[in-house]
PDB file of N, CA and C in Angstrom:
ATOM      1  N   UNK A   1     201.833 -29.062  24.900  1.00  0.00           N
ATOM      2  CA  UNK A   1     202.152 -27.653  25.023  1.00  0.00           C
ATOM      3  C   UNK A   1     200.951 -26.813  24.618  1.00  0.00           C
ATOM      4  N   UNK A   2     200.700 -25.765  25.366  1.00  0.00           N
ATOM      5  CA  UNK A   2     199.591 -24.886  25.010  1.00  0.00           C
ATOM      6  C   UNK A   2     200.042 -23.883  23.950  1.00  0.00           C
ATOM      7  N   UNK A   3     199.066 -23.244  23.354  1.00  0.00           N
ATOM      8  CA  UNK A   3     199.367 -22.270  22.304  1.00  0.00           C
ATOM      9  C   UNK A   3     200.147 -21.089  22.871  1.00  0.00           C
ATOM     10  N   UNK A   4     199.847 -20.702  24.115  1.00  0.00           N
ATOM     11  CA  UNK A   4     200.569 -19.594  24.730  1.00  0.00           C
ATOM     12  C   UNK A   4     202.043 -19.931  24.929  1.00  0.00           C
ATOM     13  N   UNK A   5     202.339 -21.138  25.325  1.00  0.00           N
ATOM     14  CA  UNK A   5     203.727 -21.565  25.526  1.00  0.00           C
ATOM     15  C   UNK A   5     204.478 -21.584  24.202  1.00  0.00           C
ATOM     16  N   UNK A   6     203.839 -22.104  23.170  1.00  0.00           N
ATOM     17  CA  UNK A   6     204.471 -22.147  21.855  1.00  0.00           C
ATOM     18  C   UNK A   6     204.717 -20.735  21.336  1.00  0.00           C
ATOM     19  N   UNK A   7     203.731 -19.858  21.474  1.00  0.00           N
ATOM     20  CA  UNK A   7     203.901 -18.476  21.023  1.00  0.00           C
ATOM     21  C   UNK A   7     205.006 -17.770  21.785  1.00  0.00           C
ATOM     22  N   UNK A   8     205.060 -17.965  23.088  1.00  0.00           N
ATOM     23  CA  UNK A   8     206.106 -17.340  23.891  1.00  0.00           C
ATOM     24  C   UNK A   8     207.481 -17.863  23.498  1.00  0.00           C
ATOM     25  N   UNK A   9     207.590 -19.166  23.314  1.00  0.00           N
ATOM     26  CA  UNK A   9     208.871 -19.747  22.902  1.00  0.00           C
ATOM     27  C   UNK A   9     209.298 -19.223  21.534  1.00  0.00           C
ATOM     28  N   UNK A  10     208.347 -19.081  20.628  1.00  0.00           N
ATOM     29  CA  UNK A  10     208.654 -18.567  19.292  1.00  0.00           C
ATOM     30  C   UNK A  10     209.128 -17.122  19.357  1.00  0.00           C
ATOM     31  N   UNK A  11     208.465 -16.304  20.157  1.00  0.00           N
ATOM     32  CA  UNK A  11     208.871 -14.904  20.303  1.00  0.00           C
ATOM     33  C   UNK A  11     210.271 -14.811  20.885  1.00  0.00           C
ATOM     34  N   UNK A  12     210.559 -15.602  21.912  1.00  0.00           N
ATOM     35  CA  UNK A  12     211.897 -15.587  22.521  1.00  0.00           C
ATOM     36  C   UNK A  12     212.942 -16.064  21.519  1.00  0.00           C
ATOM     37  N   UNK A  13     212.651 -17.134  20.801  1.00  0.00           N
ATOM     38  CA  UNK A  13     213.585 -17.653  19.805  1.00  0.00           C
ATOM     39  C   UNK A  13     213.857 -16.629  18.710  1.00  0.00           C
ATOM     40  N   UNK A  14     212.816 -15.994  18.207  1.00  0.00           N
ATOM     41  CA  UNK A  14     213.004 -14.980  17.173  1.00  0.00           C
ATOM     42  C   UNK A  14     213.797 -13.782  17.696  1.00  0.00           C
ATOM     43  N   UNK A  15     213.581 -13.423  18.951  1.00  0.00           N
ATOM     44  CA  UNK A  15     214.369 -12.343  19.552  1.00  0.00           C
ATOM     45  C   UNK A  15     215.835 -12.703  19.651  1.00  0.00           C
ATOM     46  N   UNK A  16     216.120 -13.929  20.056  1.00  0.00           N
ATOM     47  CA  UNK A  16     217.514 -14.382  20.164  1.00  0.00           C
ATOM     48  C   UNK A  16     218.180 -14.410  18.788  1.00  0.00           C
ATOM     49  N   UNK A  17     217.463 -14.913  17.794  1.00  0.00           N
ATOM     50  CA  UNK A  17     218.018 -14.960  16.437  1.00  0.00           C
ATOM     51  C   UNK A  17     218.266 -13.551  15.905  1.00  0.00           C
ATOM     52  N   UNK A  18     217.320 -12.649  16.128  1.00  0.00           N
ATOM     53  CA  UNK A  18     217.487 -11.268  15.678  1.00  0.00           C
ATOM     54  C   UNK A  18     218.695 -10.622  16.348  1.00  0.00           C
ATOM     55  N   UNK A  19     218.818 -10.814  17.647  1.00  0.00           N
ATOM     56  CA  UNK A  19     219.959 -10.265  18.369  1.00  0.00           C
ATOM     57  C   UNK A  19     221.263 -10.866  17.836  1.00  0.00           C
ATOM     58  N   UNK A  20     221.273 -12.170  17.600  1.00  0.00           N
ATOM     59  CA  UNK A  20     222.467 -12.824  17.069  1.00  0.00           C
ATOM     60  C   UNK A  20     222.867 -12.285  15.708  1.00  0.00           C
ATOM     61  N   UNK A  21     221.878 -12.049  14.862  1.00  0.00           N
ATOM     62  CA  UNK A  21     222.180 -11.488  13.544  1.00  0.00           C
ATOM     63  C   UNK A  21     222.746 -10.073  13.648  1.00  0.00           C
ATOM     64  N   UNK A  22     222.198  -9.290  14.545  1.00  0.00           N
ATOM     65  CA  UNK A  22     222.713  -7.923  14.718  1.00  0.00           C
ATOM     66  C   UNK A  22     224.151  -7.944  15.251  1.00  0.00           C
ATOM     67  N   UNK A  23     224.391  -8.742  16.254  1.00  0.00           N
ATOM     68  CA  UNK A  23     225.738  -8.836  16.817  1.00  0.00           C
ATOM     69  C   UNK A  23     226.697  -9.423  15.796  1.00  0.00           C
ATOM     70  N   UNK A  24     226.260 -10.457  15.083  1.00  0.00           N
ATOM     71  CA  UNK A  24     227.104 -11.064  14.065  1.00  0.00           C
ATOM     72  C   UNK A  24     227.474 -10.089  12.965  1.00  0.00           C
ATOM     73  N   UNK A  25     226.513  -9.309  12.511  1.00  0.00           N
ATOM     74  CA  UNK A  25     226.798  -8.294  11.495  1.00  0.00           C
ATOM     75  C   UNK A  25     227.786  -7.262  11.996  1.00  0.00           C
ATOM     76  N   UNK A  26     227.610  -6.840  13.245  1.00  0.00           N
ATOM     77  CA  UNK A  26     228.558  -5.877  13.822  1.00  0.00           C
ATOM     78  C   UNK A  26     229.957  -6.468  13.898  1.00  0.00           C
ATOM     79  N   UNK A  27     230.053  -7.716  14.344  1.00  0.00           N
ATOM     80  CA  UNK A  27     231.372  -8.346  14.473  1.00  0.00           C
ATOM     81  C   UNK A  27     232.053  -8.520  13.112  1.00  0.00           C
ATOM     82  N   UNK A  28     231.283  -8.850  12.099  1.00  0.00           N
ATOM     83  CA  UNK A  28     231.871  -8.995  10.756  1.00  0.00           C
ATOM     84  C   UNK A  28     232.356  -7.638  10.253  1.00  0.00           C
ATOM     85  N   UNK A  29     231.536  -6.599  10.390  1.00  0.00           N
ATOM     86  CA  UNK A  29     231.925  -5.284   9.889  1.00  0.00           C
ATOM     87  C   UNK A  29     233.036  -4.656  10.724  1.00  0.00           C
ATOM     88  N   UNK A  30     233.147  -5.025  12.000  1.00  0.00           N
ATOM     89  CA  UNK A  30     234.183  -4.460  12.861  1.00  0.00           C
ATOM     90  C   UNK A  30     235.574  -4.941  12.461  1.00  0.00           C
ATOM     91  N   UNK A  31     235.643  -6.012  11.694  1.00  0.00           N
ATOM     92  CA  UNK A  31     236.948  -6.535  11.265  1.00  0.00           C
ATOM     93  C   UNK A  31     237.594  -5.642  10.209  1.00  0.00           C
ATOM     94  N   UNK A  32     236.804  -4.819   9.553  1.00  0.00           N
ATOM     95  CA  UNK A  32     237.324  -3.962   8.492  1.00  0.00           C
ATOM     96  C   UNK A  32     237.546  -2.558   9.034  1.00  0.00           C
ATOM     97  N   UNK A  33     238.725  -2.001   8.738  1.00  0.00           N
ATOM     98  CA  UNK A  33     238.992  -0.643   9.202  1.00  0.00           C
ATOM     99  C   UNK A  33     238.259   0.375   8.335  1.00  0.00           C
ATOM    100  N   UNK A  34     238.145   0.073   7.048  1.00  0.00           N
ATOM    101  CA  UNK A  34     237.467   0.985   6.125  1.00  0.00           C
ATOM    102  C   UNK A  34     236.636   0.146   5.151  1.00  0.00           C
ATOM    103  N   UNK A  35     235.383   0.530   4.989  1.00  0.00           N
ATOM    104  CA  UNK A  35     234.507  -0.186   4.066  1.00  0.00           C
ATOM    105  C   UNK A  35     234.549   0.456   2.687  1.00  0.00           C
ATOM    106  N   UNK A  36     234.342  -0.373   1.689  1.00  0.00           N
ATOM    107  CA  UNK A  36     234.224   0.110   0.330  1.00  0.00           C
ATOM    108  C   UNK A  36     233.019   1.057   0.264  1.00  0.00           C
ATOM    109  N   UNK A  37     233.123   2.174  -0.462  1.00  0.00           N
ATOM    110  CA  UNK A  37     231.978   3.100  -0.553  1.00  0.00           C
ATOM    111  C   UNK A  37     230.708   2.447  -1.091  1.00  0.00           C
ATOM    112  N   UNK A  38     230.847   1.446  -1.952  1.00  0.00           N
ATOM    113  CA  UNK A  38     229.660   0.750  -2.446  1.00  0.00           C
ATOM    114  C   UNK A  38     228.989  -0.049  -1.333  1.00  0.00           C
ATOM    115  N   UNK A  39     229.784  -0.643  -0.478  1.00  0.00           N
ATOM    116  CA  UNK A  39     229.227  -1.393   0.658  1.00  0.00           C
ATOM    117  C   UNK A  39     228.532  -0.429   1.611  1.00  0.00           C
ATOM    118  N   UNK A  40     229.151   0.712   1.876  1.00  0.00           N
ATOM    119  CA  UNK A  40     228.529   1.716   2.743  1.00  0.00           C
ATOM    120  C   UNK A  40     227.206   2.193   2.156  1.00  0.00           C
ATOM    121  N   UNK A  41     227.176   2.438   0.856  1.00  0.00           N
ATOM    122  CA  UNK A  41     225.941   2.884   0.206  1.00  0.00           C
ATOM    123  C   UNK A  41     224.859   1.808   0.298  1.00  0.00           C
ATOM    124  N   UNK A  42     225.256   0.555   0.118  1.00  0.00           N
ATOM    125  CA  UNK A  42     224.291  -0.545   0.219  1.00  0.00           C
ATOM    126  C   UNK A  42     223.741  -0.653   1.639  1.00  0.00           C
ATOM    127  N   UNK A  43     224.601  -0.531   2.635  1.00  0.00           N
ATOM    128  CA  UNK A  43     224.145  -0.604   4.020  1.00  0.00           C
ATOM    129  C   UNK A  43     223.259   0.581   4.382  1.00  0.00           C
ATOM    130  N   UNK A  44     223.538   1.746   3.806  1.00  0.00           N
ATOM    131  CA  UNK A  44     222.687   2.908   4.050  1.00  0.00           C
ATOM    132  C   UNK A  44     221.305   2.739   3.430  1.00  0.00           C
ATOM    133  N   UNK A  45     221.204   1.947   2.381  1.00  0.00           N
ATOM    134  CA  UNK A  45     219.929   1.751   1.696  1.00  0.00           C
ATOM    135  C   UNK A  45     219.055   0.686   2.353  1.00  0.00           C
ATOM    136  N   UNK A  46     219.588  -0.093   3.256  1.00  0.00           N
ATOM    137  CA  UNK A  46     218.831  -1.193   3.866  1.00  0.00           C
ATOM    138  C   UNK A  46     217.588  -0.714   4.622  1.00  0.00           C
ATOM    139  N   UNK A  47     217.661   0.314   5.477  1.00  0.00           N
ATOM    140  CA  UNK A  47     216.444   0.728   6.185  1.00  0.00           C
ATOM    141  C   UNK A  47     215.317   1.150   5.240  1.00  0.00           C
ATOM    142  N   UNK A  48     215.652   1.871   4.188  1.00  0.00           N
ATOM    143  CA  UNK A  48     214.632   2.302   3.235  1.00  0.00           C
ATOM    144  C   UNK A  48     214.015   1.088   2.540  1.00  0.00           C
ATOM    145  N   UNK A  49     214.844   0.123   2.195  1.00  0.00           N
ATOM    146  CA  UNK A  49     214.336  -1.076   1.521  1.00  0.00           C
ATOM    147  C   UNK A  49     213.409  -1.871   2.437  1.00  0.00           C
ATOM    148  N   UNK A  50     213.759  -1.971   3.702  1.00  0.00           N
ATOM    149  CA  UNK A  50     212.921  -2.718   4.650  1.00  0.00           C
ATOM    150  C   UNK A  50     211.588  -2.012   4.857  1.00  0.00           C
ATOM    151  N   UNK A  51     211.615  -0.708   5.054  1.00  0.00           N
ATOM    152  CA  UNK A  51     210.373   0.048   5.235  1.00  0.00           C
ATOM    153  C   UNK A  51     209.489  -0.084   3.999  1.00  0.00           C
ATOM    154  N   UNK A  52     210.096   0.015   2.820  1.00  0.00           N
ATOM    155  CA  UNK A  52     209.331  -0.118   1.582  1.00  0.00           C
ATOM    156  C   UNK A  52     208.703  -1.499   1.482  1.00  0.00           C
ATOM    157  N   UNK A  53     209.457  -2.518   1.841  1.00  0.00           N
ATOM    158  CA  UNK A  53     208.928  -3.879   1.772  1.00  0.00           C
ATOM    159  C   UNK A  53     207.776  -4.093   2.748  1.00  0.00           C
ATOM    160  N   UNK A  54     207.770  -3.384   3.852  1.00  0.00           N
ATOM    161  CA  UNK A  54     206.692  -3.516   4.826  1.00  0.00           C
ATOM    162  C   UNK A  54     205.473  -2.682   4.472  1.00  0.00           C
ATOM    163  N   UNK A  55     205.691  -1.496   3.928  1.00  0.00           N
ATOM    164  CA  UNK A  55     204.601  -0.553   3.699  1.00  0.00           C
ATOM    165  C   UNK A  55     203.939  -0.752   2.343  1.00  0.00           C
ATOM    166  N   UNK A  56     204.704  -1.069   1.310  1.00  0.00           N
ATOM    167  CA  UNK A  56     204.151  -1.149  -0.048  1.00  0.00           C
ATOM    168  C   UNK A  56     202.987  -2.127  -0.170  1.00  0.00           C
ATOM    169  N   UNK A  57     203.070  -3.340   0.367  1.00  0.00           N
ATOM    170  CA  UNK A  57     201.911  -4.242   0.237  1.00  0.00           C
ATOM    171  C   UNK A  57     200.656  -3.689   0.910  1.00  0.00           C
ATOM    172  N   UNK A  58     200.821  -3.058   2.047  1.00  0.00           N
ATOM    173  CA  UNK A  58     199.665  -2.484   2.749  1.00  0.00           C
ATOM    174  C   UNK A  58     199.080  -1.342   1.928  1.00  0.00           C
ATOM    175  N   UNK A  59     199.935  -0.500   1.379  1.00  0.00           N
ATOM    176  CA  UNK A  59     199.463   0.653   0.623  1.00  0.00           C
ATOM    177  C   UNK A  59     198.769   0.238  -0.666  1.00  0.00           C
ATOM    178  N   UNK A  60     199.194  -0.842  -1.256  1.00  0.00           N
ATOM    179  CA  UNK A  60     198.652  -1.241  -2.548  1.00  0.00           C
ATOM    180  C   UNK A  60     197.451  -2.175  -2.462  1.00  0.00           C
ATOM    181  N   UNK A  61     197.263  -2.835  -1.333  1.00  0.00           N
ATOM    182  CA  UNK A  61     196.232  -3.864  -1.247  1.00  0.00           C
ATOM    183  C   UNK A  61     195.024  -3.442  -0.408  1.00  0.00           C
ATOM    184  N   UNK A  62     195.226  -2.640   0.611  1.00  0.00           N
ATOM    185  CA  UNK A  62     194.162  -2.421   1.591  1.00  0.00           C
ATOM    186  C   UNK A  62     193.049  -1.498   1.131  1.00  0.00           C
ATOM    187  N   UNK A  63     193.345  -0.447   0.403  1.00  0.00           N
ATOM    188  CA  UNK A  63     192.264   0.427  -0.041  1.00  0.00           C
ATOM    189  C   UNK A  63     192.781   1.769  -0.518  1.00  0.00           C
ATOM    190  N   UNK A  64     191.828   2.585  -0.969  1.00  0.00           N
ATOM    191  CA  UNK A  64     192.188   3.891  -1.530  1.00  0.00           C
ATOM    192  C   UNK A  64     192.766   4.824  -0.471  1.00  0.00           C
ATOM    193  N   UNK A  65     192.217   4.801   0.734  1.00  0.00           N
ATOM    194  CA  UNK A  65     192.705   5.704   1.783  1.00  0.00           C
ATOM    195  C   UNK A  65     194.180   5.456   2.083  1.00  0.00           C
ATOM    196  N   UNK A  66     194.551   4.204   2.200  1.00  0.00           N
ATOM    197  CA  UNK A  66     195.938   3.861   2.503  1.00  0.00           C
ATOM    198  C   UNK A  66     196.865   4.178   1.330  1.00  0.00           C
ATOM    199  N   UNK A  67     196.402   3.960   0.118  1.00  0.00           N
ATOM    200  CA  UNK A  67     197.220   4.254  -1.061  1.00  0.00           C
ATOM    201  C   UNK A  67     197.477   5.750  -1.194  1.00  0.00           C
ATOM    202  N   UNK A  68     196.431   6.538  -1.019  1.00  0.00           N
ATOM    203  CA  UNK A  68     196.584   7.996  -1.101  1.00  0.00           C
ATOM    204  C   UNK A  68     197.452   8.502   0.047  1.00  0.00           C
ATOM    205  N   UNK A  69     197.229   7.974   1.249  1.00  0.00           N
ATOM    206  CA  UNK A  69     198.034   8.379   2.399  1.00  0.00           C
ATOM    207  C   UNK A  69     199.508   8.032   2.191  1.00  0.00           C
ATOM    208  N   UNK A  70     199.788   6.887   1.564  1.00  0.00           N
ATOM    209  CA  UNK A  70     201.173   6.511   1.278  1.00  0.00           C
ATOM    210  C   UNK A  70     201.801   7.502   0.308  1.00  0.00           C
ATOM    211  N   UNK A  71     201.059   7.922  -0.707  1.00  0.00           N
ATOM    212  CA  UNK A  71     201.577   8.900  -1.662  1.00  0.00           C
ATOM    213  C   UNK A  71     201.829  10.248  -0.981  1.00  0.00           C
ATOM    214  N   UNK A  72     200.912  10.658  -0.116  1.00  0.00           N
ATOM    215  CA  UNK A  72     201.090  11.909   0.632  1.00  0.00           C
ATOM    216  C   UNK A  72     202.317  11.815   1.529  1.00  0.00           C
ATOM    217  N   UNK A  73     202.509  10.655   2.138  1.00  0.00           N
ATOM    218  CA  UNK A  73     203.653  10.453   3.022  1.00  0.00           C
ATOM    219  C   UNK A  73     204.976  10.516   2.260  1.00  0.00           C
ATOM    220  N   UNK A  74     205.003   9.950   1.068  1.00  0.00           N
ATOM    221  CA  UNK A  74     206.225  10.006   0.252  1.00  0.00           C
ATOM    222  C   UNK A  74     206.574  11.453  -0.061  1.00  0.00           C
ATOM    223  N   UNK A  75     205.586  12.244  -0.443  1.00  0.00           N
ATOM    224  CA  UNK A  75     205.831  13.657  -0.738  1.00  0.00           C
ATOM    225  C   UNK A  75     206.306  14.387   0.519  1.00  0.00           C
ATOM    226  N   UNK A  76     205.671  14.113   1.650  1.00  0.00           N
ATOM    227  CA  UNK A  76     206.076  14.750   2.914  1.00  0.00           C
ATOM    228  C   UNK A  76     207.493  14.346   3.293  1.00  0.00           C
ATOM    229  N   UNK A  77     207.855  13.087   3.042  1.00  0.00           N
ATOM    230  CA  UNK A  77     209.186  12.602   3.407  1.00  0.00           C
ATOM    231  C   UNK A  77     210.277  13.292   2.601  1.00  0.00           C
ATOM    232  N   UNK A  78     209.949  13.753   1.420  1.00  0.00           N
ATOM    233  CA  UNK A  78     210.935  14.462   0.601  1.00  0.00           C
ATOM    234  C   UNK A  78     211.201  15.873   1.114  1.00  0.00           C
ATOM    235  N   UNK A  79     210.270  16.412   1.902  1.00  0.00           N
ATOM    236  CA  UNK A  79     210.376  17.799   2.358  1.00  0.00           C
ATOM    237  C   UNK A  79     210.602  17.953   3.865  1.00  0.00           C
ATOM    238  N   UNK A  80     210.194  16.953   4.653  1.00  0.00           N
ATOM    239  CA  UNK A  80     210.179  17.107   6.112  1.00  0.00           C
ATOM    240  C   UNK A  80     211.063  16.073   6.795  1.00  0.00           C
ATOM    241  N   UNK A  81     211.464  16.356   8.042  1.00  0.00           N
ATOM    242  CA  UNK A  81     212.147  15.330   8.840  1.00  0.00           C
ATOM    243  C   UNK A  81     211.177  14.201   9.201  1.00  0.00           C
ATOM    244  N   UNK A  82     211.695  13.174   9.857  1.00  0.00           N
ATOM    245  CA  UNK A  82     210.929  11.953  10.088  1.00  0.00           C
ATOM    246  C   UNK A  82     209.699  12.149  10.975  1.00  0.00           C
ATOM    247  N   UNK A  83     209.806  12.860  12.090  1.00  0.00           N
ATOM    248  CA  UNK A  83     208.660  12.996  12.996  1.00  0.00           C
ATOM    249  C   UNK A  83     207.495  13.756  12.369  1.00  0.00           C
ATOM    250  N   UNK A  84     207.740  14.897  11.721  1.00  0.00           N
ATOM    251  CA  UNK A  84     206.613  15.532  11.031  1.00  0.00           C
ATOM    252  C   UNK A  84     206.041  14.661   9.907  1.00  0.00           C
ATOM    253  N   UNK A  85     206.890  13.886   9.248  1.00  0.00           N
ATOM    254  CA  UNK A  85     206.413  12.984   8.201  1.00  0.00           C
ATOM    255  C   UNK A  85     205.481  11.932   8.789  1.00  0.00           C
ATOM    256  N   UNK A  86     205.839  11.373   9.938  1.00  0.00           N
ATOM    257  CA  UNK A  86     204.967  10.399  10.594  1.00  0.00           C
ATOM    258  C   UNK A  86     203.644  11.024  10.997  1.00  0.00           C
ATOM    259  N   UNK A  87     203.689  12.261  11.464  1.00  0.00           N
ATOM    260  CA  UNK A  87     202.452  12.956  11.828  1.00  0.00           C
ATOM    261  C   UNK A  87     201.578  13.181  10.603  1.00  0.00           C
ATOM    262  N   UNK A  88     202.184  13.597   9.492  1.00  0.00           N
ATOM    263  CA  UNK A  88     201.441  13.794   8.247  1.00  0.00           C
ATOM    264  C   UNK A  88     200.811  12.472   7.813  1.00  0.00           C
ATOM    265  N   UNK A  89     201.549  11.384   7.906  1.00  0.00           N
ATOM    266  CA  UNK A  89     201.034  10.067   7.505  1.00  0.00           C
ATOM    267  C   UNK A  89     199.834   9.672   8.361  1.00  0.00           C
ATOM    268  N   UNK A  90     199.952   9.837   9.669  1.00  0.00           N
ATOM    269  CA  UNK A  90     198.858   9.459  10.574  1.00  0.00           C
ATOM    270  C   UNK A  90     197.616  10.306  10.321  1.00  0.00           C
ATOM    271  N   UNK A  91     197.813  11.596  10.149  1.00  0.00           N
ATOM    272  CA  UNK A  91     196.680  12.484   9.894  1.00  0.00           C
ATOM    273  C   UNK A  91     196.054  12.158   8.536  1.00  0.00           C
ATOM    274  N   UNK A  92     196.881  11.940   7.534  1.00  0.00           N
ATOM    275  CA  UNK A  92     196.362  11.658   6.192  1.00  0.00           C
ATOM    276  C   UNK A  92     195.508  10.403   6.180  1.00  0.00           C
ATOM    277  N   UNK A  93     195.994   9.319   6.765  1.00  0.00           N
ATOM    278  CA  UNK A  93     195.217   8.080   6.728  1.00  0.00           C
ATOM    279  C   UNK A  93     193.958   8.200   7.585  1.00  0.00           C
ATOM    280  N   UNK A  94     194.036   8.924   8.684  1.00  0.00           N
ATOM    281  CA  UNK A  94     192.865   9.102   9.539  1.00  0.00           C
ATOM    282  C   UNK A  94     191.792   9.917   8.818  1.00  0.00           C
ATOM    283  N   UNK A  95     192.189  11.018   8.203  1.00  0.00           N
ATOM    284  CA  UNK A  95     191.244  11.871   7.501  1.00  0.00           C
ATOM    285  C   UNK A  95     190.638  11.136   6.297  1.00  0.00           C
ATOM    286  N   UNK A  96     191.468  10.442   5.555  1.00  0.00           N
ATOM    287  CA  UNK A  96     190.972   9.730   4.373  1.00  0.00           C
ATOM    288  C   UNK A  96     190.041   8.580   4.753  1.00  0.00           C
ATOM    289  N   UNK A  97     190.339   7.882   5.831  1.00  0.00           N
ATOM    290  CA  UNK A  97     189.425   6.831   6.277  1.00  0.00           C
ATOM    291  C   UNK A  97     188.110   7.418   6.767  1.00  0.00           C
ATOM    292  N   UNK A  98     188.187   8.549   7.485  1.00  0.00           N
ATOM    293  CA  UNK A  98     186.965   9.198   7.979  1.00  0.00           C
ATOM    294  C   UNK A  98     186.110   9.725   6.820  1.00  0.00           C
ATOM    295  N   UNK A  99     186.785  10.089   5.717  1.00  0.00           N
ATOM    296  CA  UNK A  99     186.068  10.579   4.545  1.00  0.00           C
ATOM    297  C   UNK A  99     185.411   9.446   3.765  1.00  0.00           C
ATOM    298  N   UNK A 100     185.709   8.216   4.148  1.00  0.00           N
ATOM    299  CA  UNK A 100     185.079   7.075   3.515  1.00  0.00           C
ATOM    300  C   UNK A 100     185.778   6.544   2.292  1.00  0.00           C
ATOM    301  N   UNK A 101     187.026   6.914   2.107  1.00  0.00           N
ATOM    302  CA  UNK A 101     187.785   6.393   0.960  1.00  0.00           C
ATOM    303  C   UNK A 101     188.336   5.029   1.224  1.00  0.00           C
TER     304      UNK A 101
END
Protein backbone atom coordinates (compact mmCIF):
# COMPACT_ATOMS: atom_id res chain seq x y z
CA UNK A 1 0.00 0.00 0.00
CA UNK A 2 1.25 3.47 -0.79
CA UNK A 3 1.31 6.28 1.72
CA UNK A 4 -1.46 8.09 -0.16
CA UNK A 5 -3.76 5.06 0.09
CA UNK A 6 -3.08 4.67 3.80
CA UNK A 7 -3.67 8.38 4.43
CA UNK A 8 -6.90 8.35 2.45
CA UNK A 9 -8.15 5.25 4.26
CA UNK A 10 -7.29 6.83 7.61
CA UNK A 11 -9.12 10.05 6.76
CA UNK A 12 -12.21 8.11 5.64
CA UNK A 13 -12.11 5.90 8.74
CA UNK A 14 -11.78 8.89 11.06
CA UNK A 15 -14.67 10.60 9.28
CA UNK A 16 -16.87 7.54 9.70
CA UNK A 17 -15.97 7.24 13.38
CA UNK A 18 -16.62 10.95 13.96
CA UNK A 19 -19.98 10.72 12.23
CA UNK A 20 -20.85 7.61 14.25
CA UNK A 21 -20.01 9.34 17.50
CA UNK A 22 -22.14 12.35 16.60
CA UNK A 23 -25.11 10.21 15.59
CA UNK A 24 -24.66 7.97 18.61
CA UNK A 25 -24.61 10.94 20.97
CA UNK A 26 -27.76 12.32 19.36
CA UNK A 27 -29.53 8.97 19.64
CA UNK A 28 -28.59 8.60 23.31
CA UNK A 29 -29.73 12.13 24.18
CA UNK A 30 -32.93 11.78 22.11
CA UNK A 31 -34.11 9.06 24.50
CA UNK A 32 -34.54 11.64 27.27
CA UNK A 33 -37.43 14.07 27.17
CA UNK A 34 -35.75 16.45 29.60
CA UNK A 35 -32.09 16.62 30.57
CA UNK A 36 -30.80 17.41 34.02
CA UNK A 37 -29.65 21.07 34.15
CA UNK A 38 -26.18 19.90 35.17
CA UNK A 39 -25.96 17.71 32.07
CA UNK A 40 -27.12 20.62 29.90
CA UNK A 41 -24.50 22.89 31.47
CA UNK A 42 -21.80 20.27 30.89
CA UNK A 43 -22.81 19.85 27.25
CA UNK A 44 -22.82 23.62 26.78
CA UNK A 45 -19.25 23.76 28.10
CA UNK A 46 -17.87 21.16 25.66
CA UNK A 47 -17.18 23.53 22.71
CA UNK A 48 -15.26 25.95 24.93
CA UNK A 49 -13.25 23.10 26.42
CA UNK A 50 -12.36 21.72 22.99
CA UNK A 51 -11.31 25.11 21.63
CA UNK A 52 -9.21 25.73 24.75
CA UNK A 53 -7.54 22.34 24.40
CA UNK A 54 -6.64 23.12 20.79
CA UNK A 55 -5.54 26.73 21.21
CA UNK A 56 -3.78 26.75 24.60
CA UNK A 57 -0.77 24.62 23.57
CA UNK A 58 -0.20 26.76 20.49
CA UNK A 59 -0.52 29.98 22.46
CA UNK A 60 1.85 28.86 25.18
CA UNK A 61 4.54 27.11 23.14
CA UNK A 62 4.97 28.86 19.79
CA UNK A 63 6.09 32.35 20.75
CA UNK A 64 5.35 35.77 22.16
CA UNK A 65 3.22 36.91 19.21
CA UNK A 66 0.83 33.99 19.57
CA UNK A 67 0.65 34.30 23.36
CA UNK A 68 -0.15 38.01 23.22
CA UNK A 69 -2.63 37.48 20.39
CA UNK A 70 -4.37 34.77 22.45
CA UNK A 71 -4.70 37.18 25.38
CA UNK A 72 -6.07 39.90 23.08
CA UNK A 73 -8.52 37.38 21.64
CA UNK A 74 -9.77 36.38 25.09
CA UNK A 75 -10.46 40.02 25.93
CA UNK A 76 -12.19 40.55 22.57
CA UNK A 77 -14.29 37.41 23.09
CA UNK A 78 -15.65 38.85 26.33
CA UNK A 79 -16.91 41.95 24.52
CA UNK A 80 -17.63 40.96 20.89
CA UNK A 81 -19.55 38.32 18.94
CA UNK A 82 -17.62 35.46 17.33
CA UNK A 83 -16.90 36.90 13.85
CA UNK A 84 -15.42 40.19 15.07
CA UNK A 85 -13.45 38.21 17.66
CA UNK A 86 -11.97 36.04 14.90
CA UNK A 87 -11.07 39.16 12.94
CA UNK A 88 -9.39 40.69 16.01
CA UNK A 89 -7.45 37.44 16.55
CA UNK A 90 -6.25 37.29 12.93
CA UNK A 91 -5.23 40.94 12.89
CA UNK A 92 -3.52 40.69 16.28
CA UNK A 93 -1.37 37.70 15.37
CA UNK A 94 -0.53 39.16 11.96
CA UNK A 95 0.51 42.53 13.39
CA UNK A 96 2.48 40.98 16.24
CA UNK A 97 4.32 38.61 13.91
CA UNK A 98 5.10 41.48 11.52
CA UNK A 99 6.43 43.46 14.49
CA UNK A 100 8.90 40.65 15.11
CA UNK A 101 7.55 39.36 18.40
